[in-house]
Amino acid sequence: MNVNITSRKFKAKDSLKSVIRNELKSLERFSEDILDADVVLHFTHMKDSIKTAEIKLQLPRKTLKVSESSEEFAKSISTATNKLARQLKQIKSKRKARVKQ
């Protein structure tokens, strides 16, 4: 899986980048078909310090997009990857049901 990390109007630390890569690597157990992952980090409101993480996964013939906001980037990324895991499980179960027919 190819991971692209973009941080808007700030420079992401290496520790944050490693957290993102580890979270995305955990998604590989749900689907081996993940081609690319694009992660965009930005501040929604600078004075309120609301941090948003947007993740886009490229699968063959399908694209999954998730956006999540919280007080910390790590928390936003964790919640977003949980949402993606649910979506990947659903895709996998639909695929298995189609094969059984």
PDB file of N, CA and C in Angstrom:
ATOM      1  N   MET A   1       0.850  -1.167   0.000  1.00  0.00           N
ATOM      2  CA  MET A   1       0.000   0.000   0.000  1.00  0.00           C
ATOM      3  C   MET A   1       0.901   1.236   0.000  1.00  0.00           C
ATOM      4  N   ASN A   2       0.570   2.162  -0.882  1.00  0.00           N
ATOM      5  CA  ASN A   2       1.294   3.412  -0.981  1.00  0.00           C
ATOM      6  C   ASN A   2       0.569   4.462  -0.140  1.00  0.00           C
ATOM      7  N   VAL A   3       1.265   5.090   0.808  1.00  0.00           N
ATOM      8  CA  VAL A   3       0.657   6.069   1.709  1.00  0.00           C
ATOM      9  C   VAL A   3       1.205   7.456   1.398  1.00  0.00           C
ATOM     10  N   ASN A   4       0.298   8.398   1.098  1.00  0.00           N
ATOM     11  CA  ASN A   4       0.666   9.797   0.865  1.00  0.00           C
ATOM     12  C   ASN A   4       0.085  10.634   1.992  1.00  0.00           C
ATOM     13  N   ILE A   5       0.941  11.405   2.674  1.00  0.00           N
ATOM     14  CA  ILE A   5       0.492  12.228   3.794  1.00  0.00           C
ATOM     15  C   ILE A   5       0.707  13.692   3.429  1.00  0.00           C
ATOM     16  N   THR A   6      -0.371  14.474   3.511  1.00  0.00           N
ATOM     17  CA  THR A   6      -0.319  15.902   3.226  1.00  0.00           C
ATOM     18  C   THR A   6      -0.780  16.654   4.458  1.00  0.00           C
ATOM     19  N   SER A   7       0.006  17.623   4.886  1.00  0.00           N
ATOM     20  CA  SER A   7      -0.410  18.469   6.015  1.00  0.00           C
ATOM     21  C   SER A   7      -0.505  19.900   5.499  1.00  0.00           C
ATOM     22  N   ARG A   8      -1.662  20.485   5.689  1.00  0.00           N
ATOM     23  CA  ARG A   8      -1.914  21.828   5.178  1.00  0.00           C
ATOM     24  C   ARG A   8      -1.597  22.882   6.228  1.00  0.00           C
ATOM     25  N   LYS A   9      -0.766  23.829   5.850  1.00  0.00           N
ATOM     26  CA  LYS A   9      -0.384  24.995   6.667  1.00  0.00           C
ATOM     27  C   LYS A   9       0.377  24.639   7.934  1.00  0.00           C
ATOM     28  N   PHE A  10       0.968  23.462   7.993  1.00  0.00           N
ATOM     29  CA  PHE A  10       1.880  23.099   9.080  1.00  0.00           C
ATOM     30  C   PHE A  10       2.710  21.907   8.616  1.00  0.00           C
ATOM     31  N   LYS A  11       3.771  21.607   9.351  1.00  0.00           N
ATOM     32  CA  LYS A  11       4.633  20.478   9.012  1.00  0.00           C
ATOM     33  C   LYS A  11       4.370  19.356  10.020  1.00  0.00           C
ATOM     34  N   ALA A  12       3.961  18.202   9.524  1.00  0.00           N
ATOM     35  CA  ALA A  12       3.669  17.060  10.395  1.00  0.00           C
ATOM     36  C   ALA A  12       4.974  16.450  10.905  1.00  0.00           C
ATOM     37  N   LYS A  13       4.996  16.121  12.183  1.00  0.00           N
ATOM     38  CA  LYS A  13       6.171  15.497  12.780  1.00  0.00           C
ATOM     39  C   LYS A  13       6.267  14.037  12.344  1.00  0.00           C
ATOM     40  N   ASP A  14       7.468  13.479  12.455  1.00  0.00           N
ATOM     41  CA  ASP A  14       7.682  12.087  12.080  1.00  0.00           C
ATOM     42  C   ASP A  14       6.888  11.130  12.968  1.00  0.00           C
ATOM     43  N   SER A  15       6.713  11.495  14.231  1.00  0.00           N
ATOM     44  CA  SER A  15       5.942  10.635  15.136  1.00  0.00           C
ATOM     45  C   SER A  15       4.488  10.535  14.682  1.00  0.00           C
ATOM     46  N   LEU A  16       3.912  11.654  14.218  1.00  0.00           N
ATOM     47  CA  LEU A  16       2.546  11.644  13.712  1.00  0.00           C
ATOM     48  C   LEU A  16       2.456  10.820  12.430  1.00  0.00           C
ATOM     49  N   LYS A  17       3.449  10.944  11.577  1.00  0.00           N
ATOM     50  CA  LYS A  17       3.473  10.169  10.336  1.00  0.00           C
ATOM     51  C   LYS A  17       3.564   8.672  10.620  1.00  0.00           C
ATOM     52  N   SER A  18       4.333   8.284  11.628  1.00  0.00           N
ATOM     53  CA  SER A  18       4.442   6.859  11.962  1.00  0.00           C
ATOM     54  C   SER A  18       3.130   6.337  12.545  1.00  0.00           C
ATOM     55  N   VAL A  19       2.415   7.173  13.322  1.00  0.00           N
ATOM     56  CA  VAL A  19       1.101   6.782  13.842  1.00  0.00           C
ATOM     57  C   VAL A  19       0.142   6.538  12.681  1.00  0.00           C
ATOM     58  N   ILE A  20       0.174   7.422  11.696  1.00  0.00           N
ATOM     59  CA  ILE A  20      -0.708   7.280  10.529  1.00  0.00           C
ATOM     60  C   ILE A  20      -0.391   5.989   9.785  1.00  0.00           C
ATOM     61  N   ARG A  21       0.885   5.729   9.537  1.00  0.00           N
ATOM     62  CA  ARG A  21       1.268   4.515   8.812  1.00  0.00           C
ATOM     63  C   ARG A  21       0.869   3.246   9.571  1.00  0.00           C
ATOM     64  N   ASN A  22       1.046   3.243  10.887  1.00  0.00           N
ATOM     65  CA  ASN A  22       0.662   2.079  11.695  1.00  0.00           C
ATOM     66  C   ASN A  22      -0.846   1.843  11.667  1.00  0.00           C
ATOM     67  N   GLU A  23      -1.619   2.924  11.767  1.00  0.00           N
ATOM     68  CA  GLU A  23      -3.081   2.791  11.732  1.00  0.00           C
ATOM     69  C   GLU A  23      -3.535   2.260  10.374  1.00  0.00           C
ATOM     70  N   LEU A  24      -2.943   2.780   9.301  1.00  0.00           N
ATOM     71  CA  LEU A  24      -3.340   2.333   7.968  1.00  0.00           C
ATOM     72  C   LEU A  24      -2.881   0.905   7.695  1.00  0.00           C
ATOM     73  N   LYS A  25      -1.744   0.524   8.255  1.00  0.00           N
ATOM     74  CA  LYS A  25      -1.250  -0.846   8.071  1.00  0.00           C
ATOM     75  C   LYS A  25      -2.212  -1.842   8.734  1.00  0.00           C
ATOM     76  N   SER A  26      -2.872  -1.414   9.809  1.00  0.00           N
ATOM     77  CA  SER A  26      -3.821  -2.310  10.481  1.00  0.00           C
ATOM     78  C   SER A  26      -5.042  -2.592   9.606  1.00  0.00           C
ATOM     79  N   LEU A  27      -5.313  -1.725   8.628  1.00  0.00           N
ATOM     80  CA  LEU A  27      -6.446  -1.947   7.722  1.00  0.00           C
ATOM     81  C   LEU A  27      -6.185  -3.070   6.725  1.00  0.00           C
ATOM     82  N   GLU A  28      -4.934  -3.430   6.533  1.00  0.00           N
ATOM     83  CA  GLU A  28      -4.591  -4.464   5.561  1.00  0.00           C
ATOM     84  C   GLU A  28      -5.130  -5.838   5.961  1.00  0.00           C
ATOM     85  N   ARG A  29      -5.445  -6.038   7.231  1.00  0.00           N
ATOM     86  CA  ARG A  29      -5.993  -7.337   7.642  1.00  0.00           C
ATOM     87  C   ARG A  29      -7.436  -7.500   7.175  1.00  0.00           C
ATOM     88  N   PHE A  30      -8.122  -6.388   6.870  1.00  0.00           N
ATOM     89  CA  PHE A  30      -9.498  -6.450   6.384  1.00  0.00           C
ATOM     90  C   PHE A  30      -9.567  -6.585   4.869  1.00  0.00           C
ATOM     91  N   SER A  31      -8.571  -6.044   4.178  1.00  0.00           N
ATOM     92  CA  SER A  31      -8.560  -6.121   2.720  1.00  0.00           C
ATOM     93  C   SER A  31      -7.116  -6.049   2.221  1.00  0.00           C
ATOM     94  N   GLU A  32      -6.759  -7.025   1.417  1.00  0.00           N
ATOM     95  CA  GLU A  32      -5.423  -7.032   0.835  1.00  0.00           C
ATOM     96  C   GLU A  32      -5.388  -6.256  -0.473  1.00  0.00           C
ATOM     97  N   ASP A  33      -6.549  -5.743  -0.904  1.00  0.00           N
ATOM     98  CA  ASP A  33      -6.671  -5.071  -2.186  1.00  0.00           C
ATOM     99  C   ASP A  33      -6.411  -3.571  -2.129  1.00  0.00           C
ATOM    100  N   ILE A  34      -6.030  -3.030  -0.984  1.00  0.00           N
ATOM    101  CA  ILE A  34      -5.827  -1.590  -0.859  1.00  0.00           C
ATOM    102  C   ILE A  34      -4.613  -1.188  -1.688  1.00  0.00           C
ATOM    103  N   LEU A  35      -4.826  -0.282  -2.642  1.00  0.00           N
ATOM    104  CA  LEU A  35      -3.749   0.164  -3.520  1.00  0.00           C
ATOM    105  C   LEU A  35      -3.032   1.381  -2.953  1.00  0.00           C
ATOM    106  N   ASP A  36      -3.788   2.442  -2.674  1.00  0.00           N
ATOM    107  CA  ASP A  36      -3.228   3.698  -2.191  1.00  0.00           C
ATOM    108  C   ASP A  36      -4.033   4.229  -1.020  1.00  0.00           C
ATOM    109  N   ALA A  37      -3.365   5.023  -0.194  1.00  0.00           N
ATOM    110  CA  ALA A  37      -4.035   5.733   0.894  1.00  0.00           C
ATOM    111  C   ALA A  37      -3.531   7.173   0.889  1.00  0.00           C
ATOM    112  N   ASP A  38      -4.449   8.117   0.765  1.00  0.00           N
ATOM    113  CA  ASP A  38      -4.118   9.539   0.812  1.00  0.00           C
ATOM    114  C   ASP A  38      -4.673  10.120   2.101  1.00  0.00           C
ATOM    115  N   VAL A  39      -3.800  10.745   2.893  1.00  0.00           N
ATOM    116  CA  VAL A  39      -4.201  11.330   4.170  1.00  0.00           C
ATOM    117  C   VAL A  39      -3.937  12.827   4.106  1.00  0.00           C
ATOM    118  N   VAL A  40      -4.968  13.619   4.422  1.00  0.00           N
ATOM    119  CA  VAL A  40      -4.838  15.076   4.452  1.00  0.00           C
ATOM    120  C   VAL A  40      -5.144  15.533   5.871  1.00  0.00           C
ATOM    121  N   LEU A  41      -4.207  16.261   6.467  1.00  0.00           N
ATOM    122  CA  LEU A  41      -4.359  16.784   7.823  1.00  0.00           C
ATOM    123  C   LEU A  41      -4.468  18.302   7.754  1.00  0.00           C
ATOM    124  N   HIS A  42      -5.444  18.868   8.457  1.00  0.00           N
ATOM    125  CA  HIS A  42      -5.556  20.325   8.501  1.00  0.00           C
ATOM    126  C   HIS A  42      -6.348  20.754   9.723  1.00  0.00           C
ATOM    127  N   PHE A  43      -6.267  22.049  10.004  1.00  0.00           N
ATOM    128  CA  PHE A  43      -7.011  22.635  11.115  1.00  0.00           C
ATOM    129  C   PHE A  43      -8.330  23.164  10.581  1.00  0.00           C
ATOM    130  N   THR A  44      -9.452  22.784  11.208  1.00  0.00           N
ATOM    131  CA  THR A  44     -10.749  23.303  10.800  1.00  0.00           C
ATOM    132  C   THR A  44     -10.915  24.728  11.324  1.00  0.00           C
ATOM    133  N   HIS A  45     -10.639  24.929  12.603  1.00  0.00           N
ATOM    134  CA  HIS A  45     -10.687  26.251  13.217  1.00  0.00           C
ATOM    135  C   HIS A  45      -9.392  26.439  13.984  1.00  0.00           C
ATOM    136  N   MET A  46      -8.615  27.426  13.597  1.00  0.00           N
ATOM    137  CA  MET A  46      -7.319  27.632  14.239  1.00  0.00           C
ATOM    138  C   MET A  46      -7.477  28.016  15.711  1.00  0.00           C
ATOM    139  N   LYS A  47      -8.405  28.912  16.043  1.00  0.00           N
ATOM    140  CA  LYS A  47      -8.499  29.351  17.436  1.00  0.00           C
ATOM    141  C   LYS A  47      -9.124  28.286  18.338  1.00  0.00           C
ATOM    142  N   ASP A  48     -10.021  27.445  17.813  1.00  0.00           N
ATOM    143  CA  ASP A  48     -10.601  26.361  18.605  1.00  0.00           C
ATOM    144  C   ASP A  48      -9.724  25.127  18.598  1.00  0.00           C
ATOM    145  N   SER A  49      -8.722  25.101  17.713  1.00  0.00           N
ATOM    146  CA  SER A  49      -7.774  23.995  17.592  1.00  0.00           C
ATOM    147  C   SER A  49      -8.469  22.664  17.281  1.00  0.00           C
ATOM    148  N   ILE A  50      -9.424  22.702  16.344  1.00  0.00           N
ATOM    149  CA  ILE A  50     -10.078  21.477  15.894  1.00  0.00           C
ATOM    150  C   ILE A  50      -9.287  20.932  14.720  1.00  0.00           C
ATOM    151  N   LYS A  51      -8.814  19.705  14.886  1.00  0.00           N
ATOM    152  CA  LYS A  51      -7.945  19.094  13.891  1.00  0.00           C
ATOM    153  C   LYS A  51      -8.729  18.053  13.094  1.00  0.00           C
ATOM    154  N   THR A  52      -8.583  18.101  11.774  1.00  0.00           N
ATOM    155  CA  THR A  52      -9.335  17.217  10.891  1.00  0.00           C
ATOM    156  C   THR A  52      -8.382  16.327  10.108  1.00  0.00           C
ATOM    157  N   ALA A  53      -8.748  15.061  10.015  1.00  0.00           N
ATOM    158  CA  ALA A  53      -8.010  14.087   9.202  1.00  0.00           C
ATOM    159  C   ALA A  53      -8.962  13.530   8.150  1.00  0.00           C
ATOM    160  N   GLU A  54      -8.547  13.623   6.893  1.00  0.00           N
ATOM    161  CA  GLU A  54      -9.316  13.058   5.792  1.00  0.00           C
ATOM    162  C   GLU A  54      -8.502  11.918   5.191  1.00  0.00           C
ATOM    163  N   ILE A  55      -9.116  10.763   5.050  1.00  0.00           N
ATOM    164  CA  ILE A  55      -8.423   9.592   4.495  1.00  0.00           C
ATOM    165  C   ILE A  55      -9.200   9.096   3.285  1.00  0.00           C
ATOM    166  N   LYS A  56      -8.475   8.854   2.211  1.00  0.00           N
ATOM    167  CA  LYS A  56      -9.067   8.309   0.993  1.00  0.00           C
ATOM    168  C   LYS A  56      -8.314   7.035   0.632  1.00  0.00           C
ATOM    169  N   LEU A  57      -9.043   5.917   0.585  1.00  0.00           N
ATOM    170  CA  LEU A  57      -8.454   4.626   0.215  1.00  0.00           C
ATOM    171  C   LEU A  57      -8.858   4.265  -1.201  1.00  0.00           C
ATOM    172  N   GLN A  58      -7.884   3.860  -1.989  1.00  0.00           N
ATOM    173  CA  GLN A  58      -8.130   3.389  -3.348  1.00  0.00           C
ATOM    174  C   GLN A  58      -8.144   1.870  -3.347  1.00  0.00           C
ATOM    175  N   LEU A  59      -9.260   1.306  -3.752  1.00  0.00           N
ATOM    176  CA  LEU A  59      -9.402  -0.127  -3.944  1.00  0.00           C
ATOM    177  C   LEU A  59      -9.667  -0.357  -5.429  1.00  0.00           C
ATOM    178  N   PRO A  60      -9.488  -1.561  -5.912  1.00  0.00           N
ATOM    179  CA  PRO A  60      -9.857  -1.808  -7.310  1.00  0.00           C
ATOM    180  C   PRO A  60     -11.359  -1.551  -7.507  1.00  0.00           C
ATOM    181  N   ARG A  61     -11.690  -0.680  -8.428  1.00  0.00           N
ATOM    182  CA  ARG A  61     -13.066  -0.327  -8.781  1.00  0.00           C
ATOM    183  C   ARG A  61     -13.837   0.354  -7.653  1.00  0.00           C
ATOM    184  N   LYS A  62     -13.162   0.878  -6.635  1.00  0.00           N
ATOM    185  CA  LYS A  62     -13.872   1.508  -5.515  1.00  0.00           C
ATOM    186  C   LYS A  62     -12.945   2.480  -4.790  1.00  0.00           C
ATOM    187  N   THR A  63     -13.524   3.570  -4.290  1.00  0.00           N
ATOM    188  CA  THR A  63     -12.803   4.547  -3.487  1.00  0.00           C
ATOM    189  C   THR A  63     -13.588   4.799  -2.208  1.00  0.00           C
ATOM    190  N   LEU A  64     -12.907   4.738  -1.069  1.00  0.00           N
ATOM    191  CA  LEU A  64     -13.536   5.009   0.227  1.00  0.00           C
ATOM    192  C   LEU A  64     -12.967   6.308   0.789  1.00  0.00           C
ATOM    193  N   LYS A  65     -13.850   7.199   1.242  1.00  0.00           N
ATOM    194  CA  LYS A  65     -13.422   8.476   1.803  1.00  0.00           C
ATOM    195  C   LYS A  65     -14.031   8.648   3.185  1.00  0.00           C
ATOM    196  N   VAL A  66     -13.203   9.127   4.122  1.00  0.00           N
ATOM    197  CA  VAL A  66     -13.657   9.364   5.493  1.00  0.00           C
ATOM    198  C   VAL A  66     -13.006  10.652   5.982  1.00  0.00           C
ATOM    199  N   SER A  67     -13.772  11.440   6.728  1.00  0.00           N
ATOM    200  CA  SER A  67     -13.252  12.652   7.349  1.00  0.00           C
ATOM    201  C   SER A  67     -13.674  12.656   8.813  1.00  0.00           C
ATOM    202  N   GLU A  68     -12.734  12.995   9.679  1.00  0.00           N
ATOM    203  CA  GLU A  68     -13.025  12.982  11.119  1.00  0.00           C
ATOM    204  C   GLU A  68     -12.312  14.157  11.787  1.00  0.00           C
ATOM    205  N   SER A  69     -12.976  14.789  12.753  1.00  0.00           N
ATOM    206  CA  SER A  69     -12.419  15.938  13.475  1.00  0.00           C
ATOM    207  C   SER A  69     -12.412  15.671  14.970  1.00  0.00           C
ATOM    208  N   SER A  70     -11.375  16.178  15.647  1.00  0.00           N
ATOM    209  CA  SER A  70     -11.290  16.098  17.110  1.00  0.00           C
ATOM    210  C   SER A  70     -10.233  17.091  17.593  1.00  0.00           C
ATOM    211  N   GLU A  71      -9.864  16.977  18.872  1.00  0.00           N
ATOM    212  CA  GLU A  71      -8.877  17.893  19.448  1.00  0.00           C
ATOM    213  C   GLU A  71      -7.444  17.497  19.112  1.00  0.00           C
ATOM    214  N   GLU A  72      -7.235  16.234  18.738  1.00  0.00           N
ATOM    215  CA  GLU A  72      -5.894  15.732  18.426  1.00  0.00           C
ATOM    216  C   GLU A  72      -5.912  14.999  17.096  1.00  0.00           C
ATOM    217  N   PHE A  73      -4.803  15.099  16.354  1.00  0.00           N
ATOM    218  CA  PHE A  73      -4.719  14.407  15.072  1.00  0.00           C
ATOM    219  C   PHE A  73      -4.737  12.889  15.250  1.00  0.00           C
ATOM    220  N   ALA A  74      -4.048  12.393  16.268  1.00  0.00           N
ATOM    221  CA  ALA A  74      -4.001  10.942  16.491  1.00  0.00           C
ATOM    222  C   ALA A  74      -5.398  10.384  16.746  1.00  0.00           C
ATOM    223  N   LYS A  75      -6.205  11.111  17.510  1.00  0.00           N
ATOM    224  CA  LYS A  75      -7.567  10.672  17.793  1.00  0.00           C
ATOM    225  C   LYS A  75      -8.427  10.715  16.525  1.00  0.00           C
ATOM    226  N   SER A  76      -8.250  11.756  15.716  1.00  0.00           N
ATOM    227  CA  SER A  76      -8.991  11.866  14.455  1.00  0.00           C
ATOM    228  C   SER A  76      -8.642  10.721  13.516  1.00  0.00           C
ATOM    229  N   ILE A  77      -7.375  10.390  13.443  1.00  0.00           N
ATOM    230  CA  ILE A  77      -6.918   9.319  12.555  1.00  0.00           C
ATOM    231  C   ILE A  77      -7.428   7.966  13.058  1.00  0.00           C
ATOM    232  N   SER A  78      -7.378   7.745  14.342  1.00  0.00           N
ATOM    233  CA  SER A  78      -7.861   6.490  14.912  1.00  0.00           C
ATOM    234  C   SER A  78      -9.352   6.292  14.634  1.00  0.00           C
ATOM    235  N   THR A  79     -10.140   7.331  14.836  1.00  0.00           N
ATOM    236  CA  THR A  79     -11.576   7.235  14.588  1.00  0.00           C
ATOM    237  C   THR A  79     -11.864   7.020  13.102  1.00  0.00           C
ATOM    238  N   ALA A  80     -11.119   7.716  12.247  1.00  0.00           N
ATOM    239  CA  ALA A  80     -11.313   7.573  10.800  1.00  0.00           C
ATOM    240  C   ALA A  80     -10.950   6.162  10.334  1.00  0.00           C
ATOM    241  N   THR A  81      -9.878   5.586  10.862  1.00  0.00           N
ATOM    242  CA  THR A  81      -9.505   4.235  10.455  1.00  0.00           C
ATOM    243  C   THR A  81     -10.514   3.207  10.972  1.00  0.00           C
ATOM    244  N   ASN A  82     -11.129   3.471  12.130  1.00  0.00           N
ATOM    245  CA  ASN A  82     -12.190   2.584  12.619  1.00  0.00           C
ATOM    246  C   ASN A  82     -13.387   2.594  11.671  1.00  0.00           C
ATOM    247  N   LYS A  83     -13.730   3.774  11.158  1.00  0.00           N
ATOM    248  CA  LYS A  83     -14.821   3.874  10.194  1.00  0.00           C
ATOM    249  C   LYS A  83     -14.469   3.119   8.910  1.00  0.00           C
ATOM    250  N   LEU A  84     -13.227   3.273   8.459  1.00  0.00           N
ATOM    251  CA  LEU A  84     -12.790   2.571   7.251  1.00  0.00           C
ATOM    252  C   LEU A  84     -12.791   1.062   7.464  1.00  0.00           C
ATOM    253  N   ALA A  85     -12.414   0.619   8.653  1.00  0.00           N
ATOM    254  CA  ALA A  85     -12.416  -0.817   8.950  1.00  0.00           C
ATOM    255  C   ALA A  85     -13.830  -1.377   8.852  1.00  0.00           C
ATOM    256  N   ARG A  86     -14.806  -0.632   9.361  1.00  0.00           N
ATOM    257  CA  ARG A  86     -16.196  -1.061   9.256  1.00  0.00           C
ATOM    258  C   ARG A  86     -16.632  -1.167   7.797  1.00  0.00           C
ATOM    259  N   GLN A  87     -16.252  -0.179   6.994  1.00  0.00           N
ATOM    260  CA  GLN A  87     -16.612  -0.198   5.580  1.00  0.00           C
ATOM    261  C   GLN A  87     -15.945  -1.366   4.857  1.00  0.00           C
ATOM    262  N   LEU A  88     -14.679  -1.626   5.176  1.00  0.00           N
ATOM    263  CA  LEU A  88     -13.970  -2.737   4.535  1.00  0.00           C
ATOM    264  C   LEU A  88     -14.580  -4.081   4.925  1.00  0.00           C
ATOM    265  N   LYS A  89     -14.996  -4.222   6.191  1.00  0.00           N
ATOM    266  CA  LYS A  89     -15.660  -5.455   6.623  1.00  0.00           C
ATOM    267  C   LYS A  89     -16.963  -5.661   5.858  1.00  0.00           C
ATOM    268  N   GLN A  90     -17.703  -4.583   5.670  1.00  0.00           N
ATOM    269  CA  GLN A  90     -18.967  -4.666   4.952  1.00  0.00           C
ATOM    270  C   GLN A  90     -18.733  -5.078   3.495  1.00  0.00           C
ATOM    271  N   ILE A  91     -17.734  -4.513   2.862  1.00  0.00           N
ATOM    272  CA  ILE A  91     -17.407  -4.871   1.477  1.00  0.00           C
ATOM    273  C   ILE A  91     -17.010  -6.337   1.394  1.00  0.00           C
ATOM    274  N   LYS A  92     -16.223  -6.788   2.366  1.00  0.00           N
ATOM    275  CA  LYS A  92     -15.769  -8.179   2.368  1.00  0.00           C
ATOM    276  C   LYS A  92     -16.942  -9.141   2.550  1.00  0.00           C
ATOM    277  N   SER A  93     -17.869  -8.799   3.440  1.00  0.00           N
ATOM    278  CA  SER A  93     -19.015  -9.691   3.665  1.00  0.00           C
ATOM    279  C   SER A  93     -19.925  -9.713   2.441  1.00  0.00           C
ATOM    280  N   LYS A  94     -20.100  -8.593   1.757  1.00  0.00           N
ATOM    281  CA  LYS A  94     -20.897  -8.570   0.538  1.00  0.00           C
ATOM    282  C   LYS A  94     -20.248  -9.426  -0.551  1.00  0.00           C
ATOM    283  N   ARG A  95     -18.928  -9.346  -0.620  1.00  0.00           N
ATOM    284  CA  ARG A  95     -18.197 -10.118  -1.614  1.00  0.00           C
ATOM    285  C   ARG A  95     -18.341 -11.610  -1.336  1.00  0.00           C
ATOM    286  N   LYS A  96     -18.276 -12.020  -0.055  1.00  0.00           N
ATOM    287  CA  LYS A  96     -18.442 -13.422   0.309  1.00  0.00           C
ATOM    288  C   LYS A  96     -19.849 -13.903   0.014  1.00  0.00           C
ATOM    289  N   ALA A  97     -20.845 -13.060   0.269  1.00  0.00           N
ATOM    290  CA  ALA A  97     -22.239 -13.442  -0.001  1.00  0.00           C
ATOM    291  C   ALA A  97     -22.460 -13.625  -1.498  1.00  0.00           C
ATOM    292  N   ARG A  98     -21.817 -12.797  -2.311  1.00  0.00           N
ATOM    293  CA  ARG A  98     -21.950 -12.910  -3.755  1.00  0.00           C
ATOM    294  C   ARG A  98     -21.308 -14.191  -4.274  1.00  0.00           C
ATOM    295  N   VAL A  99     -20.202 -14.601  -3.670  1.00  0.00           N
ATOM    296  CA  VAL A  99     -19.498 -15.811  -4.091  1.00  0.00           C
ATOM    297  C   VAL A  99     -20.314 -17.056  -3.750  1.00  0.00           C
ATOM    298  N   LYS A 100     -21.021 -17.038  -2.612  1.00  0.00           N
ATOM    299  CA  LYS A 100     -21.816 -18.202  -2.186  1.00  0.00           C
ATOM    300  C   LYS A 100     -22.989 -18.463  -3.119  1.00  0.00           C
ATOM    301  N   GLN A 101     -23.487 -17.429  -3.780  1.00  0.00           N
ATOM    302  CA  GLN A 101     -24.665 -17.600  -4.645  1.00  0.00           C
ATOM    303  C   GLN A 101     -24.300 -18.287  -5.890  1.00  0.00           C
TER     304      GLN A 101
END
